[in-house]
C-alpha cells in the first residue's frame, strides 16, 4: 500500500525513540504490536489536541 509509512509514522517514531531505549533486547511480536499501537494512539491524540487548541485560538468566532 503506497503511503503506509506516513500512516505508521507516529507508531514507528514511538518505537524507535521511546520504547527501544527502554527495551534494548528484541521483544516478541505481540508486546511490540501493543507498544506500536499505543504509541500511534498517543501521538495522534496529542497532535489532534494541539491542532484543536491552535484552531480555537486562531479562529475564536468559528468555534462554538
Protein backbone atom coordinates (compact mmCIF):
# COMPACT_ATOMS: atom_id res chain seq x y z
CA UNK A 1 0.00 0.00 0.00
CA UNK A 2 1.59 3.27 -1.04
CA UNK A 3 1.93 5.77 1.77
CA UNK A 4 1.73 3.29 4.62
CA UNK A 5 4.95 4.76 6.04
CA UNK A 6 3.16 8.06 6.55
CA UNK A 7 0.25 6.38 8.31
CA UNK A 8 2.53 4.37 10.59
CA UNK A 9 4.99 7.19 11.30
CA UNK A 10 3.69 8.03 14.81
CA UNK A 11 3.85 4.40 15.95
CA UNK A 12 7.28 3.81 14.42
CA UNK A 13 8.54 7.08 15.92
CA UNK A 14 7.45 5.96 19.39
CA UNK A 15 9.02 2.53 18.89
CA UNK A 16 12.39 3.92 17.81
CA UNK A 17 12.78 6.88 20.17
CA UNK A 18 10.76 5.94 23.26
CA UNK A 19 10.31 2.18 23.60
CA UNK A 20 13.56 0.94 22.03
CA UNK A 21 15.85 2.64 24.58
CA UNK A 22 13.77 1.07 27.36
CA UNK A 23 13.86 -2.42 25.81
CA UNK A 24 17.33 -2.93 24.39
CA UNK A 25 16.84 -6.63 23.62
CA UNK A 26 14.49 -7.96 20.96
CA UNK A 27 10.93 -8.43 22.19
CA UNK A 28 8.16 -10.68 20.89
CA UNK A 29 5.62 -9.67 18.25
CA UNK A 30 2.55 -9.08 20.46
CA UNK A 31 4.22 -6.76 23.00
CA UNK A 32 5.85 -4.84 20.15
CA UNK A 33 2.48 -4.52 18.38
CA UNK A 34 0.86 -3.25 21.59
CA UNK A 35 3.63 -0.69 22.07
CA UNK A 36 3.37 0.50 18.47
CA UNK A 37 -0.42 0.85 18.60
CA UNK A 38 -0.32 2.68 21.93
CA UNK A 39 2.41 4.97 20.58
CA UNK A 40 0.36 5.60 17.46
CA UNK A 41 -2.68 6.47 19.57
CA UNK A 42 -0.74 8.75 21.96
CA UNK A 43 0.99 10.73 19.20
CA UNK A 44 -2.15 11.14 17.08
CA UNK A 45 -4.27 12.22 20.07
CA UNK A 46 -1.62 14.72 21.20
CA UNK A 47 -1.28 16.16 17.68
CA UNK A 48 -5.07 16.43 17.29
CA UNK A 49 -5.43 18.15 20.67
CA UNK A 50 -2.67 20.62 19.78
CA UNK A 51 -4.27 21.33 16.42
CA UNK A 52 -7.70 21.85 18.04
CA UNK A 53 -6.21 24.31 20.56
CA UNK A 54 -4.47 26.25 17.80
CA UNK A 55 -7.65 26.46 15.72
CA UNK A 56 -9.63 27.52 18.78
CA UNK A 57 -7.18 30.37 19.49
CA UNK A 58 -6.77 31.50 15.89
CA UNK A 59 -10.42 31.32 14.88
CA UNK A 60 -12.48 32.05 18.02
CA UNK A 61 -15.55 33.26 16.07
CA UNK A 62 -15.86 29.96 14.18
CA UNK A 63 -15.61 27.78 17.30
CA UNK A 64 -18.91 27.14 19.08
